[in-house]
Amino acid sequence: MNGQQLCTVIDIDFKHEIVRMKNYTDRIPLRAFGVVENPSWADFEEFLKERCLPASRAGLKGILREMDVPFYDPLLIIEKTNGRMAGDNQWVQVIHNTAA
């Protein structure tokens, strides 16, 4: 999301490490994977890392404790912060679909 604008929907199959996505904007900087049309699992992992605090952040353990996140995991962090970063309007909404 960029503000209230839907930019990209990412569908993740965690079991098989498959990433599917659909862009809803032509503005490349607002797309989750930029110009990449068929993102890999590594692309997805990098996207998550880019939307949360770095693992090398000073005082990380205390920050994670405040967030009630048991260990450094970008997806868990994004679930708590919505992937909000200072300096931009982009954010991530995580929706779990447990239907098989």
N, C-alpha and C. Protein backbone atom coordinates (compact mmCIF):
# COMPACT_ATOMS: atom_id res chain seq x y z
N MET A 1 0.85 -1.17 0.00
CA MET A 1 0.00 0.00 0.00
C MET A 1 0.89 1.24 0.00
N ASN A 2 0.38 2.27 -0.63
CA ASN A 2 0.98 3.58 -0.55
C ASN A 2 -0.13 4.53 -0.09
N GLY A 3 -0.12 4.88 1.18
CA GLY A 3 -1.27 5.57 1.74
C GLY A 3 -2.47 4.65 1.68
N GLN A 4 -3.51 5.05 0.97
CA GLN A 4 -4.69 4.21 0.82
C GLN A 4 -4.74 3.51 -0.55
N GLN A 5 -3.69 3.70 -1.36
CA GLN A 5 -3.64 3.11 -2.69
C GLN A 5 -3.04 1.70 -2.65
N LEU A 6 -3.79 0.74 -3.15
CA LEU A 6 -3.27 -0.62 -3.29
C LEU A 6 -2.26 -0.63 -4.43
N CYS A 7 -1.06 -1.09 -4.15
CA CYS A 7 0.00 -1.12 -5.16
C CYS A 7 0.29 -2.53 -5.65
N THR A 8 0.42 -3.47 -4.73
CA THR A 8 0.77 -4.84 -5.08
C THR A 8 0.10 -5.80 -4.10
N VAL A 9 -0.43 -6.89 -4.63
CA VAL A 9 -0.90 -7.99 -3.79
C VAL A 9 0.10 -9.12 -3.97
N ILE A 10 0.58 -9.64 -2.85
CA ILE A 10 1.56 -10.74 -2.87
C ILE A 10 0.89 -11.95 -2.24
N ASP A 11 0.88 -13.05 -2.97
CA ASP A 11 0.31 -14.31 -2.48
C ASP A 11 1.48 -15.26 -2.26
N ILE A 12 1.63 -15.72 -1.03
CA ILE A 12 2.79 -16.54 -0.65
C ILE A 12 2.35 -17.94 -0.28
N ASP A 13 3.02 -18.91 -0.85
CA ASP A 13 2.88 -20.32 -0.46
C ASP A 13 4.14 -20.64 0.34
N PHE A 14 4.05 -20.55 1.66
CA PHE A 14 5.21 -20.75 2.52
C PHE A 14 5.72 -22.18 2.46
N LYS A 15 4.82 -23.13 2.34
CA LYS A 15 5.22 -24.54 2.32
C LYS A 15 6.13 -24.85 1.13
N HIS A 16 5.78 -24.31 -0.04
CA HIS A 16 6.52 -24.60 -1.26
C HIS A 16 7.42 -23.44 -1.70
N GLU A 17 7.45 -22.37 -0.89
CA GLU A 17 8.25 -21.17 -1.17
C GLU A 17 7.98 -20.62 -2.57
N ILE A 18 6.69 -20.41 -2.84
CA ILE A 18 6.25 -19.87 -4.12
C ILE A 18 5.67 -18.49 -3.89
N VAL A 19 6.08 -17.55 -4.73
CA VAL A 19 5.63 -16.17 -4.65
C VAL A 19 4.83 -15.83 -5.91
N ARG A 20 3.62 -15.36 -5.71
CA ARG A 20 2.81 -14.85 -6.82
C ARG A 20 2.43 -13.42 -6.46
N MET A 21 2.36 -12.57 -7.46
CA MET A 21 1.98 -11.20 -7.14
C MET A 21 1.26 -10.57 -8.32
N LYS A 22 0.52 -9.51 -8.00
CA LYS A 22 -0.16 -8.72 -9.02
C LYS A 22 0.01 -7.25 -8.66
N ASN A 23 0.50 -6.48 -9.61
CA ASN A 23 0.66 -5.05 -9.40
C ASN A 23 -0.62 -4.32 -9.77
N TYR A 24 -0.93 -3.28 -9.01
CA TYR A 24 -2.09 -2.44 -9.27
C TYR A 24 -1.68 -1.00 -9.54
N THR A 25 -0.42 -0.78 -9.83
CA THR A 25 0.09 0.53 -10.19
C THR A 25 1.16 0.38 -11.27
N ASP A 26 1.25 1.39 -12.11
CA ASP A 26 2.32 1.44 -13.11
C ASP A 26 3.55 2.15 -12.56
N ARG A 27 3.43 2.74 -11.40
CA ARG A 27 4.56 3.48 -10.79
C ARG A 27 5.53 2.48 -10.16
N ILE A 28 6.61 2.22 -10.86
CA ILE A 28 7.57 1.18 -10.47
C ILE A 28 8.08 1.35 -9.04
N PRO A 29 8.41 2.56 -8.57
CA PRO A 29 8.91 2.67 -7.19
C PRO A 29 7.89 2.25 -6.13
N LEU A 30 6.60 2.21 -6.49
CA LEU A 30 5.57 1.83 -5.53
C LEU A 30 5.25 0.34 -5.57
N ARG A 31 5.79 -0.37 -6.53
CA ARG A 31 5.55 -1.81 -6.62
C ARG A 31 6.44 -2.55 -5.62
N ALA A 32 5.93 -3.61 -5.03
CA ALA A 32 6.69 -4.36 -4.04
C ALA A 32 8.02 -4.87 -4.58
N PHE A 33 8.03 -5.29 -5.85
CA PHE A 33 9.25 -5.85 -6.43
C PHE A 33 9.78 -5.03 -7.59
N GLY A 34 9.35 -3.78 -7.69
CA GLY A 34 9.85 -2.91 -8.74
C GLY A 34 9.51 -3.45 -10.12
N VAL A 35 10.54 -3.65 -10.96
CA VAL A 35 10.33 -4.13 -12.33
C VAL A 35 10.24 -5.65 -12.41
N VAL A 36 10.52 -6.35 -11.34
CA VAL A 36 10.52 -7.81 -11.33
C VAL A 36 9.08 -8.31 -11.45
N GLU A 37 8.82 -9.11 -12.48
CA GLU A 37 7.47 -9.62 -12.73
C GLU A 37 7.23 -11.00 -12.11
N ASN A 38 8.29 -11.78 -11.94
CA ASN A 38 8.18 -13.11 -11.35
C ASN A 38 9.16 -13.23 -10.20
N PRO A 39 8.81 -12.67 -9.04
CA PRO A 39 9.76 -12.66 -7.92
C PRO A 39 10.05 -14.06 -7.38
N SER A 40 11.28 -14.23 -6.99
CA SER A 40 11.73 -15.48 -6.37
C SER A 40 11.50 -15.41 -4.86
N TRP A 41 11.74 -16.53 -4.21
CA TRP A 41 11.64 -16.57 -2.75
C TRP A 41 12.66 -15.60 -2.14
N ALA A 42 13.84 -15.54 -2.71
CA ALA A 42 14.88 -14.61 -2.23
C ALA A 42 14.42 -13.16 -2.40
N ASP A 43 13.73 -12.85 -3.50
CA ASP A 43 13.19 -11.50 -3.69
C ASP A 43 12.18 -11.18 -2.59
N PHE A 44 11.33 -12.15 -2.25
CA PHE A 44 10.34 -11.95 -1.19
C PHE A 44 11.03 -11.70 0.15
N GLU A 45 12.03 -12.51 0.47
CA GLU A 45 12.76 -12.34 1.72
C GLU A 45 13.42 -10.96 1.78
N GLU A 46 13.98 -10.52 0.67
CA GLU A 46 14.62 -9.20 0.61
C GLU A 46 13.58 -8.09 0.79
N PHE A 47 12.42 -8.25 0.18
CA PHE A 47 11.35 -7.28 0.35
C PHE A 47 11.00 -7.13 1.83
N LEU A 48 10.85 -8.26 2.53
CA LEU A 48 10.53 -8.21 3.97
C LEU A 48 11.62 -7.48 4.74
N LYS A 49 12.87 -7.80 4.46
CA LYS A 49 13.98 -7.16 5.18
C LYS A 49 13.99 -5.65 4.95
N GLU A 50 13.64 -5.24 3.74
CA GLU A 50 13.65 -3.81 3.43
C GLU A 50 12.54 -3.05 4.15
N ARG A 51 11.49 -3.75 4.59
CA ARG A 51 10.36 -3.09 5.23
C ARG A 51 10.39 -3.21 6.75
N CYS A 52 11.52 -3.61 7.33
CA CYS A 52 11.60 -3.65 8.79
C CYS A 52 12.99 -3.22 9.26
N LEU A 53 13.13 -3.06 10.56
CA LEU A 53 14.40 -2.62 11.11
C LEU A 53 15.49 -3.64 10.83
N PRO A 54 16.72 -3.18 10.66
CA PRO A 54 17.80 -4.12 10.35
C PRO A 54 18.18 -5.00 11.54
N ALA A 55 18.68 -6.18 11.24
CA ALA A 55 19.11 -7.11 12.28
C ALA A 55 20.29 -6.56 13.08
N SER A 56 21.01 -5.61 12.51
CA SER A 56 22.17 -5.03 13.17
C SER A 56 21.82 -3.81 14.03
N ARG A 57 20.55 -3.49 14.15
CA ARG A 57 20.11 -2.30 14.89
C ARG A 57 20.54 -2.37 16.34
N ALA A 58 21.11 -1.28 16.82
CA ALA A 58 21.50 -1.20 18.23
C ALA A 58 20.26 -1.33 19.10
N GLY A 59 20.34 -2.09 20.15
CA GLY A 59 19.22 -2.28 21.06
C GLY A 59 18.11 -3.14 20.51
N LEU A 60 18.44 -3.98 19.53
CA LEU A 60 17.44 -4.80 18.85
C LEU A 60 16.64 -5.67 19.82
N LYS A 61 17.32 -6.31 20.76
CA LYS A 61 16.60 -7.21 21.68
C LYS A 61 15.52 -6.48 22.45
N GLY A 62 15.82 -5.29 22.91
CA GLY A 62 14.84 -4.49 23.64
C GLY A 62 13.67 -4.07 22.76
N ILE A 63 13.97 -3.70 21.53
CA ILE A 63 12.91 -3.30 20.59
C ILE A 63 11.99 -4.48 20.31
N LEU A 64 12.58 -5.64 20.07
CA LEU A 64 11.77 -6.83 19.81
C LEU A 64 10.91 -7.18 21.02
N ARG A 65 11.48 -7.04 22.22
CA ARG A 65 10.74 -7.32 23.45
C ARG A 65 9.55 -6.36 23.55
N GLU A 66 9.76 -5.07 23.25
CA GLU A 66 8.67 -4.09 23.28
C GLU A 66 7.57 -4.43 22.28
N MET A 67 7.96 -5.00 21.14
CA MET A 67 6.98 -5.38 20.11
C MET A 67 6.33 -6.71 20.42
N ASP A 68 6.84 -7.41 21.43
CA ASP A 68 6.38 -8.76 21.75
C ASP A 68 6.66 -9.72 20.60
N VAL A 69 7.86 -9.58 20.03
CA VAL A 69 8.34 -10.48 18.97
C VAL A 69 9.48 -11.28 19.60
N PRO A 70 9.38 -12.62 19.61
CA PRO A 70 10.33 -13.44 20.36
C PRO A 70 11.75 -13.49 19.78
N PHE A 71 11.90 -13.25 18.49
CA PHE A 71 13.21 -13.29 17.85
C PHE A 71 13.13 -12.50 16.55
N TYR A 72 14.30 -12.20 15.97
CA TYR A 72 14.30 -11.40 14.74
C TYR A 72 13.75 -12.22 13.58
N ASP A 73 12.60 -11.81 13.11
CA ASP A 73 11.96 -12.43 11.96
C ASP A 73 11.23 -11.30 11.22
N PRO A 74 11.70 -10.94 10.02
CA PRO A 74 11.09 -9.81 9.32
C PRO A 74 9.58 -9.90 9.16
N LEU A 75 9.04 -11.07 8.90
CA LEU A 75 7.59 -11.19 8.74
C LEU A 75 6.87 -10.91 10.06
N LEU A 76 7.37 -11.45 11.16
CA LEU A 76 6.75 -11.17 12.47
C LEU A 76 6.82 -9.69 12.80
N ILE A 77 7.92 -9.06 12.47
CA ILE A 77 8.08 -7.63 12.73
C ILE A 77 7.09 -6.83 11.89
N ILE A 78 6.96 -7.18 10.62
CA ILE A 78 6.03 -6.48 9.73
C ILE A 78 4.59 -6.67 10.19
N GLU A 79 4.28 -7.83 10.73
CA GLU A 79 2.92 -8.04 11.25
C GLU A 79 2.63 -7.06 12.39
N LYS A 80 3.64 -6.67 13.14
CA LYS A 80 3.46 -5.73 14.25
C LYS A 80 3.50 -4.26 13.78
N THR A 81 4.36 -3.96 12.80
CA THR A 81 4.60 -2.57 12.39
C THR A 81 3.91 -2.18 11.09
N ASN A 82 3.31 -3.16 10.41
CA ASN A 82 2.76 -2.97 9.07
C ASN A 82 3.83 -2.53 8.07
N GLY A 83 5.07 -2.83 8.38
CA GLY A 83 6.16 -2.50 7.45
C GLY A 83 6.34 -1.01 7.24
N ARG A 84 5.85 -0.21 8.18
CA ARG A 84 5.98 1.24 8.04
C ARG A 84 7.42 1.66 8.31
N MET A 85 7.89 2.55 7.45
CA MET A 85 9.25 3.06 7.56
C MET A 85 9.19 4.59 7.57
N ALA A 86 10.10 5.20 8.30
CA ALA A 86 10.18 6.66 8.31
C ALA A 86 10.52 7.14 6.90
N GLY A 87 9.86 8.18 6.47
CA GLY A 87 10.22 8.79 5.19
C GLY A 87 9.41 8.35 3.99
N ASP A 88 8.47 7.42 4.16
CA ASP A 88 7.60 7.07 3.03
C ASP A 88 6.20 6.73 3.52
N ASN A 89 5.27 6.64 2.60
CA ASN A 89 3.87 6.36 2.93
C ASN A 89 3.49 4.92 2.68
N GLN A 90 4.47 4.09 2.36
CA GLN A 90 4.17 2.70 2.03
C GLN A 90 4.04 1.86 3.29
N TRP A 91 3.19 0.85 3.21
CA TRP A 91 2.99 -0.05 4.33
C TRP A 91 2.46 -1.38 3.81
N VAL A 92 2.46 -2.37 4.66
CA VAL A 92 2.11 -3.74 4.30
C VAL A 92 1.00 -4.23 5.21
N GLN A 93 -0.02 -4.81 4.62
CA GLN A 93 -1.07 -5.46 5.41
C GLN A 93 -0.90 -6.95 5.22
N VAL A 94 -0.67 -7.68 6.30
CA VAL A 94 -0.52 -9.13 6.23
C VAL A 94 -1.87 -9.76 6.54
N ILE A 95 -2.32 -10.58 5.62
CA ILE A 95 -3.57 -11.32 5.79
C ILE A 95 -3.26 -12.80 5.68
N HIS A 96 -3.56 -13.54 6.72
CA HIS A 96 -3.31 -14.97 6.71
C HIS A 96 -4.54 -15.71 6.17
N ASN A 97 -4.31 -16.56 5.23
CA ASN A 97 -5.38 -17.41 4.68
C ASN A 97 -4.97 -18.85 4.97
N THR A 98 -5.66 -19.48 5.88
CA THR A 98 -5.29 -20.83 6.28
C THR A 98 -6.02 -21.90 5.47
N ALA A 99 -6.84 -21.48 4.53
CA ALA A 99 -7.55 -22.47 3.68
C ALA A 99 -6.55 -23.21 2.82
N ALA A 100 -6.69 -24.50 2.77
CA ALA A 100 -5.74 -25.30 1.99
C ALA A 100 -6.22 -25.51 0.58
